[in-house]
Amino acid sequence: GITDLRGEIQQNQKVAQQLIEELTKLRDSIGQDVRAFGSNKDLLQSILKNQGA
């Protein structure tokens, strides 16, 4: 009945909250990867330039 439904809703809210936290962590990790890629790309370009490539 209603009690079961209420319990399910609370469980769903917990799961949704955990999902949001994990997605936030993932987004932060991706942001770090993108920044690292950008600086590596710049480094690689300057190395290639110095070698006259």
PDB file of N, CA and C in Angstrom:
ATOM      1  N   GLY A   1       0.806  -1.190   0.000  1.00  0.00           N
ATOM      2  CA  GLY A   1       0.000   0.000   0.000  1.00  0.00           C
ATOM      3  C   GLY A   1       0.855   1.263   0.000  1.00  0.00           C
ATOM      4  N   ILE A   2       0.345   2.250   0.700  1.00  0.00           N
ATOM      5  CA  ILE A   2       0.993   3.566   0.764  1.00  0.00           C
ATOM      6  C   ILE A   2       2.377   3.466   1.414  1.00  0.00           C
ATOM      7  N   THR A   3       2.480   2.664   2.477  1.00  0.00           N
ATOM      8  CA  THR A   3       3.759   2.552   3.195  1.00  0.00           C
ATOM      9  C   THR A   3       4.844   1.981   2.291  1.00  0.00           C
ATOM     10  N   ASP A   4       4.493   0.958   1.520  1.00  0.00           N
ATOM     11  CA  ASP A   4       5.452   0.371   0.580  1.00  0.00           C
ATOM     12  C   ASP A   4       5.907   1.416  -0.426  1.00  0.00           C
ATOM     13  N   LEU A   5       4.945   2.169  -0.918  1.00  0.00           N
ATOM     14  CA  LEU A   5       5.228   3.197  -1.913  1.00  0.00           C
ATOM     15  C   LEU A   5       6.180   4.247  -1.341  1.00  0.00           C
ATOM     16  N   ARG A   6       5.918   4.653  -0.097  1.00  0.00           N
ATOM     17  CA  ARG A   6       6.753   5.661   0.553  1.00  0.00           C
ATOM     18  C   ARG A   6       8.186   5.136   0.700  1.00  0.00           C
ATOM     19  N   GLY A   7       8.306   3.880   1.106  1.00  0.00           N
ATOM     20  CA  GLY A   7       9.632   3.270   1.236  1.00  0.00           C
ATOM     21  C   GLY A   7      10.364   3.222  -0.090  1.00  0.00           C
ATOM     22  N   GLU A   8       9.625   2.876  -1.140  1.00  0.00           N
ATOM     23  CA  GLU A   8      10.219   2.821  -2.480  1.00  0.00           C
ATOM     24  C   GLU A   8      10.694   4.189  -2.925  1.00  0.00           C
ATOM     25  N   ILE A   9       9.887   5.204  -2.670  1.00  0.00           N
ATOM     26  CA  ILE A   9      10.246   6.573  -3.053  1.00  0.00           C
ATOM     27  C   ILE A   9      11.526   6.997  -2.330  1.00  0.00           C
ATOM     28  N   GLN A  10      11.607   6.706  -1.026  1.00  0.00           N
ATOM     29  CA  GLN A  10      12.806   7.073  -0.267  1.00  0.00           C
ATOM     30  C   GLN A  10      14.028   6.339  -0.810  1.00  0.00           C
ATOM     31  N   GLN A  11      13.859   5.055  -1.147  1.00  0.00           N
ATOM     32  CA  GLN A  11      14.965   4.279  -1.708  1.00  0.00           C
ATOM     33  C   GLN A  11      15.402   4.874  -3.048  1.00  0.00           C
ATOM     34  N   ASN A  12      14.435   5.228  -3.874  1.00  0.00           N
ATOM     35  CA  ASN A  12      14.742   5.821  -5.179  1.00  0.00           C
ATOM     36  C   ASN A  12      15.483   7.145  -5.025  1.00  0.00           C
ATOM     37  N   GLN A  13      15.084   7.934  -4.020  1.00  0.00           N
ATOM     38  CA  GLN A  13      15.760   9.211  -3.785  1.00  0.00           C
ATOM     39  C   GLN A  13      17.214   8.978  -3.385  1.00  0.00           C
ATOM     40  N   LYS A  14      17.455   7.953  -2.550  1.00  0.00           N
ATOM     41  CA  LYS A  14      18.831   7.635  -2.147  1.00  0.00           C
ATOM     42  C   LYS A  14      19.664   7.229  -3.349  1.00  0.00           C
ATOM     43  N   VAL A  15      19.097   6.361  -4.177  1.00  0.00           N
ATOM     44  CA  VAL A  15      19.803   5.895  -5.373  1.00  0.00           C
ATOM     45  C   VAL A  15      20.089   7.070  -6.313  1.00  0.00           C
ATOM     46  N   ALA A  16      19.101   7.943  -6.492  1.00  0.00           N
ATOM     47  CA  ALA A  16      19.276   9.104  -7.365  1.00  0.00           C
ATOM     48  C   ALA A  16      20.388  10.009  -6.832  1.00  0.00           C
ATOM     49  N   GLN A  17      20.422  10.195  -5.517  1.00  0.00           N
ATOM     50  CA  GLN A  17      21.446  11.036  -4.899  1.00  0.00           C
ATOM     51  C   GLN A  17      22.840  10.447  -5.126  1.00  0.00           C
ATOM     52  N   GLN A  18      22.962   9.126  -4.959  1.00  0.00           N
ATOM     53  CA  GLN A  18      24.253   8.464  -5.184  1.00  0.00           C
ATOM     54  C   GLN A  18      24.679   8.591  -6.641  1.00  0.00           C
ATOM     55  N   LEU A  19      23.711   8.444  -7.534  1.00  0.00           N
ATOM     56  CA  LEU A  19      23.991   8.565  -8.960  1.00  0.00           C
ATOM     57  C   LEU A  19      24.505   9.965  -9.294  1.00  0.00           C
ATOM     58  N   ILE A  20      23.847  10.976  -8.731  1.00  0.00           N
ATOM     59  CA  ILE A  20      24.262  12.364  -8.959  1.00  0.00           C
ATOM     60  C   ILE A  20      25.690  12.582  -8.449  1.00  0.00           C
ATOM     61  N   GLU A  21      26.004  12.037  -7.267  1.00  0.00           N
ATOM     62  CA  GLU A  21      27.352  12.188  -6.716  1.00  0.00           C
ATOM     63  C   GLU A  21      28.390  11.540  -7.626  1.00  0.00           C
ATOM     64  N   GLU A  22      28.092  10.335  -8.117  1.00  0.00           N
ATOM     65  CA  GLU A  22      29.027   9.640  -9.007  1.00  0.00           C
ATOM     66  C   GLU A  22      29.198  10.392 -10.323  1.00  0.00           C
ATOM     67  N   LEU A  23      28.109  10.912 -10.865  1.00  0.00           N
ATOM     68  CA  LEU A  23      28.194  11.678 -12.112  1.00  0.00           C
ATOM     69  C   LEU A  23      29.013  12.950 -11.919  1.00  0.00           C
ATOM     70  N   THR A  24      28.869  13.568 -10.752  1.00  0.00           N
ATOM     71  CA  THR A  24      29.643  14.773 -10.451  1.00  0.00           C
ATOM     72  C   THR A  24      31.134  14.446 -10.401  1.00  0.00           C
ATOM     73  N   LYS A  25      31.480  13.323  -9.752  1.00  0.00           N
ATOM     74  CA  LYS A  25      32.884  12.884  -9.705  1.00  0.00           C
ATOM     75  C   LYS A  25      33.406  12.623 -11.112  1.00  0.00           C
ATOM     76  N   LEU A  26      32.576  11.959 -11.927  1.00  0.00           N
ATOM     77  CA  LEU A  26      32.970  11.642 -13.299  1.00  0.00           C
ATOM     78  C   LEU A  26      33.224  12.921 -14.091  1.00  0.00           C
ATOM     79  N   ARG A  27      32.321  13.899 -13.925  1.00  0.00           N
ATOM     80  CA  ARG A  27      32.472  15.171 -14.633  1.00  0.00           C
ATOM     81  C   ARG A  27      33.783  15.854 -14.230  1.00  0.00           C
ATOM     82  N   ASP A  28      34.094  15.841 -12.939  1.00  0.00           N
ATOM     83  CA  ASP A  28      35.335  16.456 -12.470  1.00  0.00           C
ATOM     84  C   ASP A  28      36.553  15.743 -13.052  1.00  0.00           C
ATOM     85  N   SER A  29      36.498  14.409 -13.088  1.00  0.00           N
ATOM     86  CA  SER A  29      37.606  13.629 -13.644  1.00  0.00           C
ATOM     87  C   SER A  29      37.809  13.936 -15.118  1.00  0.00           C
ATOM     88  N   ILE A  30      36.703  14.018 -15.855  1.00  0.00           N
ATOM     89  CA  ILE A  30      36.790  14.328 -17.287  1.00  0.00           C
ATOM     90  C   ILE A  30      37.392  15.718 -17.478  1.00  0.00           C
ATOM     91  N   GLY A  31      36.991  16.671 -16.644  1.00  0.00           N
ATOM     92  CA  GLY A  31      37.541  18.022 -16.727  1.00  0.00           C
ATOM     93  C   GLY A  31      39.048  18.021 -16.527  1.00  0.00           C
ATOM     94  N   GLN A  32      39.522  17.228 -15.573  1.00  0.00           N
ATOM     95  CA  GLN A  32      40.961  17.135 -15.321  1.00  0.00           C
ATOM     96  C   GLN A  32      41.674  16.520 -16.517  1.00  0.00           C
ATOM     97  N   ASP A  33      41.074  15.471 -17.111  1.00  0.00           N
ATOM     98  CA  ASP A  33      41.665  14.829 -18.283  1.00  0.00           C
ATOM     99  C   ASP A  33      41.771  15.807 -19.444  1.00  0.00           C
ATOM    100  N   VAL A  34      40.722  16.604 -19.645  1.00  0.00           N
ATOM    101  CA  VAL A  34      40.713  17.564 -20.752  1.00  0.00           C
ATOM    102  C   VAL A  34      41.811  18.605 -20.555  1.00  0.00           C
ATOM    103  N   ARG A  35      41.965  19.091 -19.319  1.00  0.00           N
ATOM    104  CA  ARG A  35      43.022  20.075 -19.050  1.00  0.00           C
ATOM    105  C   ARG A  35      44.402  19.460 -19.261  1.00  0.00           C
ATOM    106  N   ALA A  36      44.583  18.229 -18.797  1.00  0.00           N
ATOM    107  CA  ALA A  36      45.870  17.547 -18.971  1.00  0.00           C
ATOM    108  C   ALA A  36      46.159  17.354 -20.454  1.00  0.00           C
ATOM    109  N   PHE A  37      45.147  16.958 -21.208  1.00  0.00           N
ATOM    110  CA  PHE A  37      45.315  16.768 -22.650  1.00  0.00           C
ATOM    111  C   PHE A  37      45.729  18.079 -23.312  1.00  0.00           C
ATOM    112  N   GLY A  38      45.084  19.177 -22.910  1.00  0.00           N
ATOM    113  CA  GLY A  38      45.410  20.479 -23.481  1.00  0.00           C
ATOM    114  C   GLY A  38      46.859  20.863 -23.244  1.00  0.00           C
ATOM    115  N   SER A  39      47.352  20.673 -22.020  1.00  0.00           N
ATOM    116  CA  SER A  39      48.735  21.058 -21.737  1.00  0.00           C
ATOM    117  C   SER A  39      49.716  20.102 -22.414  1.00  0.00           C
ATOM    118  N   ASN A  40      49.362  18.815 -22.514  1.00  0.00           N
ATOM    119  CA  ASN A  40      50.223  17.866 -23.227  1.00  0.00           C
ATOM    120  C   ASN A  40      50.302  18.207 -24.709  1.00  0.00           C
ATOM    121  N   LYS A  41      49.175  18.631 -25.271  1.00  0.00           N
ATOM    122  CA  LYS A  41      49.131  19.000 -26.686  1.00  0.00           C
ATOM    123  C   LYS A  41      50.042  20.205 -26.935  1.00  0.00           C
ATOM    124  N   ASP A  42      49.974  21.201 -26.045  1.00  0.00           N
ATOM    125  CA  ASP A  42      50.824  22.385 -26.181  1.00  0.00           C
ATOM    126  C   ASP A  42      52.294  22.006 -26.092  1.00  0.00           C
ATOM    127  N   LEU A  43      52.612  21.134 -25.143  1.00  0.00           N
ATOM    128  CA  LEU A  43      53.993  20.677 -24.967  1.00  0.00           C
ATOM    129  C   LEU A  43      54.473  19.962 -26.221  1.00  0.00           C
ATOM    130  N   LEU A  44      53.648  19.076 -26.749  1.00  0.00           N
ATOM    131  CA  LEU A  44      54.000  18.319 -27.948  1.00  0.00           C
ATOM    132  C   LEU A  44      54.219  19.260 -29.131  1.00  0.00           C
ATOM    133  N   GLN A  45      53.344  20.252 -29.271  1.00  0.00           N
ATOM    134  CA  GLN A  45      53.485  21.203 -30.379  1.00  0.00           C
ATOM    135  C   GLN A  45      54.806  21.961 -30.287  1.00  0.00           C
ATOM    136  N   SER A  46      55.187  22.378 -29.079  1.00  0.00           N
ATOM    137  CA  SER A  46      56.430  23.141 -28.954  1.00  0.00           C
ATOM    138  C   SER A  46      57.643  22.248 -29.202  1.00  0.00           C
ATOM    139  N   ILE A  47      57.560  20.978 -28.798  1.00  0.00           N
ATOM    140  CA  ILE A  47      58.661  20.037 -29.075  1.00  0.00           C
ATOM    141  C   ILE A  47      58.816  19.854 -30.584  1.00  0.00           C
ATOM    142  N   LEU A  48      57.688  19.644 -31.269  1.00  0.00           N
ATOM    143  CA  LEU A  48      57.743  19.444 -32.721  1.00  0.00           C
ATOM    144  C   LEU A  48      58.260  20.692 -33.430  1.00  0.00           C
ATOM    145  N   LYS A  49      57.854  21.860 -32.953  1.00  0.00           N
ATOM    146  CA  LYS A  49      58.304  23.117 -33.551  1.00  0.00           C
ATOM    147  C   LYS A  49      59.822  23.247 -33.415  1.00  0.00           C
ATOM    148  N   ASN A  50      60.330  22.914 -32.225  1.00  0.00           N
ATOM    149  CA  ASN A  50      61.764  23.027 -31.966  1.00  0.00           C
ATOM    150  C   ASN A  50      62.570  22.056 -32.814  1.00  0.00           C
ATOM    151  N   GLN A  51      61.948  20.953 -33.229  1.00  0.00           N
ATOM    152  CA  GLN A  51      62.650  19.982 -34.070  1.00  0.00           C
ATOM    153  C   GLN A  51      62.498  20.318 -35.550  1.00  0.00           C
ATOM    154  N   GLY A  52      61.807  21.400 -35.841  1.00  0.00           N
ATOM    155  CA  GLY A  52      61.617  21.816 -37.221  1.00  0.00           C
ATOM    156  C   GLY A  52      60.677  20.911 -37.988  1.00  0.00           C
ATOM    157  N   ALA A  53      59.761  20.251 -37.285  1.00  0.00           N
ATOM    158  CA  ALA A  53      58.832  19.338 -37.961  1.00  0.00           C
ATOM    159  C   ALA A  53      57.736  20.122 -38.672  1.00  0.00           C
TER     160      ALA A  53
END
